[in-house]
Structures are given as structure tokens and as C-alpha cells.
Amino acid sequence: MGMIQLHKMARTTPVIRKEIREATLSERELARKYNITRDTVRKWKYRE
């Protein structure tokens, strides 16, 4: 299995993105939890 290449400044990983999609917390709470912006939370929350 190949290694996933992340941008060196990436704040989210595939595991965190999955957690964001499955979370029931608000966008604000997720942003605070992962130290990212609400826009980033929205991007990953609704992406398939």
C-alpha cells in the first residue's frame, strides 16, 4: 500500500477529515478542537 503524501503545511490528515465528517459537534467546536478555521471544517464536513 502506498504512502499518502501530505503537503508539509497540511493541518488535517485523512483520519482527522474522517472524524470531521462523522462528528456531531458544531463547526465552531470542531475548528477549536483541531485548531483549524471554520471554513476548513466546512470544506471537509460536506465533501464526499
C-alpha atoms as a PDB file:
ATOM      1  CA  MET A   1       0.000   0.000   0.000  1.00  0.00           C
ATOM      2  CA  GLY A   2       1.379   3.444  -0.929  1.00  0.00           C
ATOM      3  CA  MET A   3       2.167   6.200   1.484  1.00  0.00           C
ATOM      4  CA  ILE A   4      -0.133   9.218   1.480  1.00  0.00           C
ATOM      5  CA  GLN A   5       1.754  12.398   0.649  1.00  0.00           C
ATOM      6  CA  LEU A   6       0.544  15.405   2.625  1.00  0.00           C
ATOM      7  CA  HIS A   7       1.516  18.978   1.952  1.00  0.00           C
ATOM      8  CA  LYS A   8       4.113  19.954   4.560  1.00  0.00           C
ATOM      9  CA  MET A   9       1.804  22.688   5.895  1.00  0.00           C
ATOM     10  CA  ALA A  10      -1.334  20.475   5.963  1.00  0.00           C
ATOM     11  CA  ARG A  11      -3.306  20.917   9.189  1.00  0.00           C
ATOM     12  CA  THR A  12      -5.590  17.942   8.589  1.00  0.00           C
ATOM     13  CA  THR A  13      -4.881  14.306   7.849  1.00  0.00           C
ATOM     14  CA  PRO A  14      -7.208  11.743   6.280  1.00  0.00           C
ATOM     15  CA  VAL A  15      -8.016  10.483   9.803  1.00  0.00           C
ATOM     16  CA  ILE A  16      -8.954  13.974  11.039  1.00  0.00           C
ATOM     17  CA  ARG A  17     -11.013  14.607   7.894  1.00  0.00           C
ATOM     18  CA  LYS A  18     -12.962  11.403   8.526  1.00  0.00           C
ATOM     19  CA  GLU A  19     -13.552  12.437  12.145  1.00  0.00           C
ATOM     20  CA  ILE A  20     -14.812  15.839  10.955  1.00  0.00           C
ATOM     21  CA  ARG A  21     -17.255  14.217   8.508  1.00  0.00           C
ATOM     22  CA  GLU A  22     -18.627  11.884  11.190  1.00  0.00           C
ATOM     23  CA  ALA A  23     -18.678  14.386  14.073  1.00  0.00           C
ATOM     24  CA  THR A  24     -21.835  15.732  15.650  1.00  0.00           C
ATOM     25  CA  LEU A  25     -20.055  18.760  17.129  1.00  0.00           C
ATOM     26  CA  SER A  26     -20.687  22.214  15.709  1.00  0.00           C
ATOM     27  CA  GLU A  27     -18.359  23.745  13.141  1.00  0.00           C
ATOM     28  CA  ARG A  28     -17.055  26.123  15.808  1.00  0.00           C
ATOM     29  CA  GLU A  29     -16.293  23.281  18.228  1.00  0.00           C
ATOM     30  CA  LEU A  30     -14.551  21.232  15.534  1.00  0.00           C
ATOM     31  CA  ALA A  31     -12.461  24.224  14.458  1.00  0.00           C
ATOM     32  CA  ARG A  32     -11.377  24.782  18.042  1.00  0.00           C
ATOM     33  CA  LYS A  33     -10.686  21.067  18.629  1.00  0.00           C
ATOM     34  CA  TYR A  34      -8.451  20.692  15.562  1.00  0.00           C
ATOM     35  CA  ASN A  35      -7.045  24.245  15.563  1.00  0.00           C
ATOM     36  CA  ILE A  36      -8.338  24.986  12.056  1.00  0.00           C
ATOM     37  CA  THR A  37     -10.750  27.560  10.632  1.00  0.00           C
ATOM     38  CA  ARG A  38     -14.497  27.065  10.349  1.00  0.00           C
ATOM     39  CA  ASP A  39     -14.088  27.344   6.559  1.00  0.00           C
ATOM     40  CA  THR A  40     -11.759  24.343   6.641  1.00  0.00           C
ATOM     41  CA  VAL A  41     -14.238  22.416   8.778  1.00  0.00           C
ATOM     42  CA  ARG A  42     -16.999  23.206   6.270  1.00  0.00           C
ATOM     43  CA  LYS A  43     -14.800  22.123   3.374  1.00  0.00           C
ATOM     44  CA  TRP A  44     -14.177  18.675   4.862  1.00  0.00           C
ATOM     45  CA  LYS A  45     -17.556  18.223   6.593  1.00  0.00           C
ATOM     46  CA  TYR A  46     -19.539  18.298   3.379  1.00  0.00           C
ATOM     47  CA  ARG A  47     -17.029  16.800   0.946  1.00  0.00           C
ATOM     48  CA  GLU A  48     -17.675  13.202  -0.071  1.00  0.00           C
END
